Amino acid sequence: MASMPEEALPRVLLSDQAYELVRRWILDGTLEPGDRIVESEIARRLGVSQAPVREAVKRLAHEGLITSLPRRGSYVTQISTEDVDDAREVRAMLEEAAAREAVTHFDPPARQRLEGFVDGMRRAAEALDLAAFRAADMGFHRSVVELSGNVYLPRLWDVMESRLLSLRVVGDPGFTGSWAEMAEAHQDLIELLASGNRGRAAAAFHDHAAGRELPGRPNRDG
């Protein structure tokens, strides 16, 4: 397990802050799949009692980022190839449907909102802040789903979101390519939404979510 950084938390909302920090360690790869979650060690490093850490672990287990086993402890959720493939397939179908409808609702405020997420990815890539990159990436795709205007698609996204993160379907910490180029792939998706061509936009989002390449851009984040 990678060495966790020393952190000091103010004595307010301790469980929320412990949750955010442990979640960040999981998302940026500091804690890797299969690593054991030792509540006493995390509490010591954060300078708090075990109670807020225990509550944070329960929340993360509910999200699927941590797996708790009776009498065996808690671990960062393991990833299987089958789970990743299944998640990509369902996500690709969801985003294809969302993008097809989002084209009809695409307007200047929508462009501004999506480009804000892309700018966040660019800044995170430059700073090598993977957790921030993944948050902006997830925000981008959630916004497209919401832009579809279909009330059921965001609900389906809510069901999948934590699993997409835990399975590293979005912003895989093991990705060895260019995070900056990955950010630009999302700008390409914006231009396809702006093109007004529902079929092309839907196909591009499907391929992106499935982990295939956009024309001229390497794409591995989904």
Protein backbone atom coordinates (compact mmCIF):
# COMPACT_ATOMS: atom_id res chain seq x y z
CA MET A 1 0.00 0.00 0.00
CA ALA A 2 1.29 3.47 -0.86
CA SER A 3 2.22 5.73 2.04
CA MET A 4 -0.68 7.98 2.94
CA PRO A 5 0.05 11.68 3.53
CA GLU A 6 -0.21 13.17 6.98
CA GLU A 7 -3.36 15.29 7.26
CA ALA A 8 -4.81 17.42 10.04
CA LEU A 9 -8.57 17.98 10.21
CA PRO A 10 -10.37 20.82 12.00
CA ARG A 11 -12.72 19.62 14.70
CA VAL A 12 -15.85 20.26 12.62
CA LEU A 13 -17.76 17.83 10.45
CA LEU A 14 -15.05 15.25 11.05
CA SER A 15 -16.87 12.34 9.48
CA ASP A 16 -17.56 14.35 6.31
CA GLN A 17 -13.94 15.43 6.02
CA ALA A 18 -12.63 11.94 6.77
CA TYR A 19 -14.96 10.67 4.04
CA GLU A 20 -13.70 13.21 1.52
CA LEU A 21 -10.04 12.48 2.25
CA VAL A 22 -10.30 8.68 2.20
CA ARG A 23 -12.45 8.90 -0.94
CA ARG A 24 -9.80 11.10 -2.55
CA TRP A 25 -7.05 8.63 -1.66
CA ILE A 26 -9.06 5.89 -3.37
CA LEU A 27 -9.80 7.96 -6.47
CA ASP A 28 -6.24 9.21 -6.98
CA GLY A 29 -4.73 5.77 -6.48
CA THR A 30 -3.05 6.43 -3.11
CA LEU A 31 -5.18 3.55 -1.84
CA GLU A 32 -5.29 0.81 -4.47
CA PRO A 33 -7.84 -1.96 -5.08
CA GLY A 34 -7.33 -4.68 -2.49
CA ASP A 35 -5.62 -2.40 0.05
CA ARG A 36 -6.89 -2.94 3.58
CA ILE A 37 -8.57 0.00 5.28
CA VAL A 38 -7.12 0.24 8.79
CA GLU A 39 -9.40 2.67 10.62
CA SER A 40 -7.05 3.17 13.57
CA GLU A 41 -4.14 4.05 11.28
CA ILE A 42 -6.21 6.49 9.24
CA ALA A 43 -7.57 8.08 12.43
CA ARG A 44 -4.04 8.48 13.75
CA ARG A 45 -2.85 10.12 10.53
CA LEU A 46 -5.82 12.48 10.51
CA GLY A 47 -5.55 13.27 14.20
CA VAL A 48 -9.11 12.20 15.03
CA SER A 49 -10.85 9.38 16.88
CA GLN A 50 -11.90 6.25 15.03
CA ALA A 51 -15.60 7.16 15.13
CA PRO A 52 -15.59 9.63 12.19
CA VAL A 53 -13.34 7.31 10.17
CA ARG A 54 -15.69 4.38 10.84
CA GLU A 55 -18.63 6.46 9.61
CA ALA A 56 -16.66 7.49 6.51
CA VAL A 57 -15.85 3.85 5.75
CA LYS A 58 -19.54 2.93 6.03
CA ARG A 59 -20.45 5.64 3.51
CA LEU A 60 -17.74 4.53 1.11
CA ALA A 61 -18.88 0.92 1.42
CA HIS A 62 -22.41 2.02 0.55
CA GLU A 63 -21.01 3.71 -2.58
CA GLY A 64 -19.12 0.58 -3.55
CA LEU A 65 -15.64 2.09 -3.21
CA ILE A 66 -14.92 -0.05 -0.14
CA THR A 67 -15.88 -3.66 0.53
CA SER A 68 -16.44 -4.64 4.17
CA LEU A 69 -16.17 -8.34 5.05
CA PRO A 70 -17.43 -9.72 8.39
CA ARG A 71 -14.52 -10.58 10.71
CA ARG A 72 -12.04 -9.81 7.91
CA GLY A 73 -12.09 -6.02 7.76
CA SER A 74 -12.59 -3.46 5.01
CA TYR A 75 -10.73 -3.21 1.73
CA VAL A 76 -10.66 -0.96 -1.31
CA THR A 77 -12.99 -2.69 -3.73
CA GLN A 78 -11.27 -5.13 -6.07
CA ILE A 79 -11.76 -4.75 -9.82
CA SER A 80 -12.61 -7.61 -12.16
CA THR A 81 -12.40 -7.48 -15.94
CA GLU A 82 -15.98 -8.70 -16.18
CA ASP A 83 -17.28 -5.90 -13.94
CA VAL A 84 -15.41 -3.27 -15.95
CA ASP A 85 -16.69 -4.63 -19.25
CA ASP A 86 -20.27 -4.76 -17.99
CA ALA A 87 -20.07 -1.21 -16.61
CA ARG A 88 -18.64 0.13 -19.86
CA GLU A 89 -21.35 -1.57 -21.92
CA VAL A 90 -24.21 -0.15 -19.86
CA ARG A 91 -22.60 3.27 -19.63
CA ALA A 92 -22.05 3.37 -23.39
CA MET A 93 -25.73 2.70 -24.03
CA LEU A 94 -26.79 5.30 -21.47
CA GLU A 95 -24.49 8.02 -22.84
CA GLU A 96 -25.44 7.25 -26.43
CA ALA A 97 -29.10 7.84 -25.59
CA ALA A 98 -28.30 10.94 -23.54
CA ALA A 99 -26.12 12.55 -26.23
CA ARG A 100 -28.73 11.96 -28.93
CA GLU A 101 -31.24 14.01 -26.95
CA ALA A 102 -28.74 16.50 -25.53
CA VAL A 103 -28.06 17.80 -29.05
CA THR A 104 -31.57 19.23 -29.20
CA HIS A 105 -31.08 21.07 -25.88
CA PHE A 106 -27.54 22.30 -26.51
CA ASP A 107 -27.32 26.08 -26.08
CA PRO A 108 -24.73 28.69 -24.96
CA PRO A 109 -25.28 28.07 -21.21
CA ALA A 110 -24.85 24.31 -21.80
CA ARG A 111 -21.62 24.93 -23.71
CA GLN A 112 -20.34 27.19 -20.95
CA ARG A 113 -21.11 24.60 -18.29
CA LEU A 114 -19.44 21.75 -20.19
CA GLU A 115 -16.40 23.83 -21.12
CA GLY A 116 -16.05 24.72 -17.44
CA PHE A 117 -15.57 21.03 -16.71
CA VAL A 118 -13.07 20.70 -19.57
CA ASP A 119 -11.11 23.67 -18.20
CA GLY A 120 -11.12 21.89 -14.83
CA MET A 121 -9.68 18.79 -16.48
CA ARG A 122 -6.98 20.87 -18.16
CA ARG A 123 -5.96 22.48 -14.87
CA ALA A 124 -6.00 19.13 -13.08
CA ALA A 125 -3.90 17.54 -15.83
CA GLU A 126 -1.33 20.31 -15.55
CA ALA A 127 -1.24 19.97 -11.76
CA LEU A 128 -1.19 16.14 -11.97
CA ASP A 129 -4.23 16.13 -9.66
CA LEU A 130 -5.97 12.92 -10.67
CA ALA A 131 -8.78 13.15 -8.13
CA ALA A 132 -9.71 16.62 -9.42
CA PHE A 133 -9.51 15.35 -13.00
CA ARG A 134 -11.86 12.49 -12.26
CA ALA A 135 -14.31 14.83 -10.51
CA ALA A 136 -14.38 17.19 -13.50
CA ASP A 137 -14.64 14.24 -15.90
CA MET A 138 -17.59 12.80 -13.98
CA GLY A 139 -19.23 16.23 -13.78
CA PHE A 140 -18.94 16.62 -17.55
CA HIS A 141 -20.69 13.36 -18.30
CA ARG A 142 -23.34 13.84 -15.64
CA SER A 143 -24.16 17.25 -17.17
CA VAL A 144 -24.61 15.69 -20.62
CA VAL A 145 -26.95 13.09 -19.14
CA GLU A 146 -28.95 15.85 -17.44
CA LEU A 147 -28.96 17.89 -20.66
CA SER A 148 -30.84 15.05 -22.36
CA GLY A 149 -34.06 16.22 -20.73
CA ASN A 150 -35.00 12.60 -20.00
CA VAL A 151 -35.86 12.40 -16.28
CA TYR A 152 -34.92 8.71 -16.06
CA LEU A 153 -31.38 8.89 -17.45
CA PRO A 154 -29.96 10.94 -14.52
CA ARG A 155 -31.53 8.43 -12.13
CA LEU A 156 -29.78 5.60 -13.94
CA TRP A 157 -26.55 7.59 -13.83
CA ASP A 158 -26.93 8.04 -10.06
CA VAL A 159 -27.17 4.26 -9.69
CA MET A 160 -24.00 3.74 -11.75
CA GLU A 161 -21.83 6.65 -10.68
CA SER A 162 -20.13 5.14 -7.64
CA ARG A 163 -19.45 1.91 -9.52
CA LEU A 164 -17.94 3.80 -12.44
CA LEU A 165 -15.54 5.41 -9.97
CA SER A 166 -14.75 2.27 -8.00
CA LEU A 167 -14.17 0.25 -11.19
CA ARG A 168 -11.98 3.04 -12.58
CA VAL A 169 -14.11 3.26 -15.68
CA VAL A 170 -13.68 7.04 -15.45
CA GLY A 171 -10.15 8.43 -15.23
CA ASP A 172 -8.25 5.22 -14.55
CA PRO A 173 -5.30 6.03 -12.24
CA GLY A 174 -3.33 3.41 -14.16
CA PHE A 175 -3.65 5.31 -17.43
CA THR A 176 -0.16 6.03 -18.82
CA GLY A 177 -1.15 8.30 -21.71
CA SER A 178 -1.60 12.06 -21.80
CA TRP A 179 -4.17 13.48 -19.39
CA ALA A 180 -4.04 16.76 -21.33
CA GLU A 181 -5.04 14.98 -24.54
CA MET A 182 -7.77 13.20 -22.65
CA ALA A 183 -9.16 16.59 -21.62
CA GLU A 184 -9.13 17.74 -25.25
CA ALA A 185 -11.12 14.64 -26.23
CA HIS A 186 -13.94 16.08 -24.14
CA GLN A 187 -13.72 19.36 -26.02
CA ASP A 188 -14.21 17.32 -29.20
CA LEU A 189 -17.37 15.87 -27.69
CA ILE A 190 -18.69 19.37 -27.02
CA GLU A 191 -18.16 20.31 -30.67
CA LEU A 192 -20.10 17.22 -31.75
CA LEU A 193 -23.01 18.24 -29.52
CA ALA A 194 -22.84 21.72 -31.04
CA SER A 195 -22.85 20.30 -34.59
CA GLY A 196 -26.54 19.47 -34.37
CA ASN A 197 -25.97 15.99 -35.79
CA ARG A 198 -27.71 13.68 -33.32
CA GLY A 199 -26.41 10.47 -34.90
CA ARG A 200 -22.74 11.54 -34.90
CA ALA A 201 -22.92 12.85 -31.35
CA ALA A 202 -24.61 9.68 -30.09
CA ALA A 203 -22.04 7.45 -31.82
CA ALA A 204 -19.12 9.50 -30.48
CA PHE A 205 -20.37 9.37 -26.89
CA HIS A 206 -20.99 5.64 -27.22
CA ASP A 207 -17.44 5.03 -28.46
CA HIS A 208 -15.99 7.35 -25.81
CA ALA A 209 -17.83 5.59 -23.00
CA ALA A 210 -16.86 2.20 -24.40
CA GLY A 211 -13.18 3.20 -24.28
CA ARG A 212 -12.66 3.50 -28.01
CA GLU A 213 -10.77 6.30 -29.70
CA LEU A 214 -12.27 9.52 -30.94
CA PRO A 215 -10.98 10.56 -34.37
CA GLY A 216 -7.51 11.99 -33.85
CA ARG A 217 -7.60 11.66 -30.07
CA PRO A 218 -6.40 8.86 -27.79
CA ASN A 219 -9.16 8.05 -25.33
CA ARG A 220 -8.90 5.77 -22.34
CA ASP A 221 -11.03 7.35 -19.64
CA GLY A 222 -14.48 6.43 -20.88
